[in-house]
Amino acid sequence: MTDSTLVFTEQRDGRSQLVVNFGVFSGREATEAEIFRLGQMLLDDLESIEIIAERRFEFDHEVEATIHQVRVLLPRSAKGRTGELSVRVEDWAREAIGERSHIAP
């Protein structure tokens, strides 16, 4: 993965999705509590939302990588609001990453 963007937009099955490169910036997976907080925040603006937290493994002959991403599948009713929602999701991600980075083991 060469893109260091925290949040970017993709199309999936005719719907927009916001992809958060959570692990690249945090070094960990998003917690269940953080994902629930994201869902509740987005319900302020949307009737429903689908969030996928995933751990993917990528391999080639020279590199092995584990990718932690959070995907927010936007409902079709959110068409035209992707930019505004992307900003909200990025704010959530930065807050979640920042909270845990200050916790000492």
Protein backbone atom coordinates (compact mmCIF):
# COMPACT_ATOMS: atom_id res chain seq x y z
CA MET A 1 0.00 0.00 0.00
CA THR A 2 1.57 3.28 -1.07
CA ASP A 3 -1.26 5.73 -0.29
CA SER A 4 -0.83 7.35 3.12
CA THR A 5 -4.26 9.01 3.10
CA LEU A 6 -6.23 8.44 6.31
CA VAL A 7 -9.67 8.39 4.63
CA PHE A 8 -10.49 7.90 0.96
CA THR A 9 -13.60 7.14 -1.08
CA GLU A 10 -14.29 4.04 -3.18
CA GLN A 11 -17.29 2.66 -5.02
CA ARG A 12 -18.68 -0.74 -4.03
CA ASP A 13 -21.78 -2.28 -5.60
CA GLY A 14 -22.94 1.13 -6.82
CA ARG A 15 -22.57 2.71 -3.37
CA SER A 16 -19.91 5.02 -2.01
CA GLN A 17 -17.80 3.82 0.85
CA LEU A 18 -15.35 5.67 3.02
CA VAL A 19 -12.23 3.65 3.76
CA VAL A 20 -10.20 4.50 6.86
CA ASN A 21 -6.59 3.33 6.84
CA PHE A 22 -6.82 2.97 10.59
CA GLY A 23 -3.89 0.63 11.18
CA VAL A 24 -1.46 2.62 9.06
CA PHE A 25 -1.91 5.64 11.32
CA SER A 26 -2.56 3.93 14.66
CA GLY A 27 -0.60 0.67 14.49
CA ARG A 28 -3.67 -1.21 15.75
CA GLU A 29 -7.25 -2.18 14.97
CA ALA A 30 -10.16 0.09 15.86
CA THR A 31 -11.86 -1.05 19.06
CA GLU A 32 -15.50 -2.08 19.16
CA ALA A 33 -16.28 0.97 21.32
CA GLU A 34 -14.65 3.28 18.75
CA ILE A 35 -16.67 1.70 15.94
CA PHE A 36 -19.91 2.04 17.91
CA ARG A 37 -19.07 5.69 18.57
CA LEU A 38 -18.56 6.22 14.82
CA GLY A 39 -21.90 4.57 14.06
CA GLN A 40 -23.76 6.69 16.60
CA MET A 41 -22.11 9.85 15.30
CA LEU A 42 -23.13 9.07 11.70
CA LEU A 43 -26.71 8.30 12.75
CA ASP A 44 -27.03 12.01 13.58
CA ASP A 45 -26.98 12.59 9.79
CA LEU A 46 -28.12 9.29 8.24
CA GLU A 47 -31.02 6.89 8.76
CA SER A 48 -28.79 3.82 8.64
CA ILE A 49 -25.15 2.96 8.20
CA GLU A 50 -23.03 -0.15 7.67
CA ILE A 51 -19.52 -0.29 9.11
CA ILE A 52 -17.02 -3.05 8.39
CA ALA A 53 -13.85 -3.40 10.46
CA GLU A 54 -11.41 -5.70 8.72
CA ARG A 55 -7.99 -7.18 9.04
CA ARG A 56 -6.51 -8.09 5.66
CA PHE A 57 -3.28 -9.82 4.87
CA GLU A 58 -1.34 -8.89 1.75
CA PHE A 59 1.57 -10.91 0.42
CA ASP A 60 4.03 -10.79 -2.42
CA HIS A 61 7.49 -12.31 -2.83
CA GLU A 62 9.18 -9.49 -0.93
CA VAL A 63 6.64 -8.17 1.58
CA GLU A 64 3.99 -9.40 3.96
CA ALA A 65 1.58 -6.88 5.47
CA THR A 66 -1.42 -6.82 7.78
CA ILE A 67 -3.88 -4.04 6.99
CA HIS A 68 -6.44 -2.78 9.52
CA GLN A 69 -9.19 -0.80 7.81
CA VAL A 70 -12.61 0.50 8.72
CA ARG A 71 -15.08 0.76 5.85
CA VAL A 72 -18.21 2.89 6.07
CA LEU A 73 -20.75 1.90 3.41
CA LEU A 74 -22.93 4.91 2.78
CA PRO A 75 -26.61 4.47 1.96
CA ARG A 76 -27.71 5.55 -1.50
CA SER A 77 -29.59 8.41 0.17
CA ALA A 78 -26.20 9.93 1.09
CA LYS A 79 -25.35 10.59 -2.56
CA GLY A 80 -23.74 14.01 -2.92
CA ARG A 81 -22.72 14.11 0.76
CA THR A 82 -19.58 12.00 0.51
CA GLY A 83 -17.21 14.93 1.07
CA GLU A 84 -18.96 16.18 4.20
CA LEU A 85 -19.24 12.66 5.64
CA SER A 86 -15.60 11.95 4.82
CA VAL A 87 -14.58 14.94 6.95
CA ARG A 88 -16.67 13.65 9.87
CA VAL A 89 -15.18 10.15 9.56
CA GLU A 90 -11.66 11.57 9.41
CA ASP A 91 -12.35 13.65 12.54
CA TRP A 92 -13.52 10.45 14.29
CA ALA A 93 -10.41 8.56 13.18
CA ARG A 94 -8.01 11.28 14.32
CA GLU A 95 -9.75 11.49 17.70
CA ALA A 96 -9.74 7.69 18.19
CA ILE A 97 -6.08 7.42 17.19
CA GLY A 98 -5.13 10.36 19.40
CA GLU A 99 -6.94 9.05 22.47
CA ARG A 100 -5.10 5.73 22.52
CA SER A 101 -1.70 7.18 21.63
CA HIS A 102 -1.56 8.90 25.03
CA ILE A 103 -2.18 5.75 27.07
CA ALA A 104 0.97 4.33 28.66
CA PRO A 105 1.29 0.53 28.95
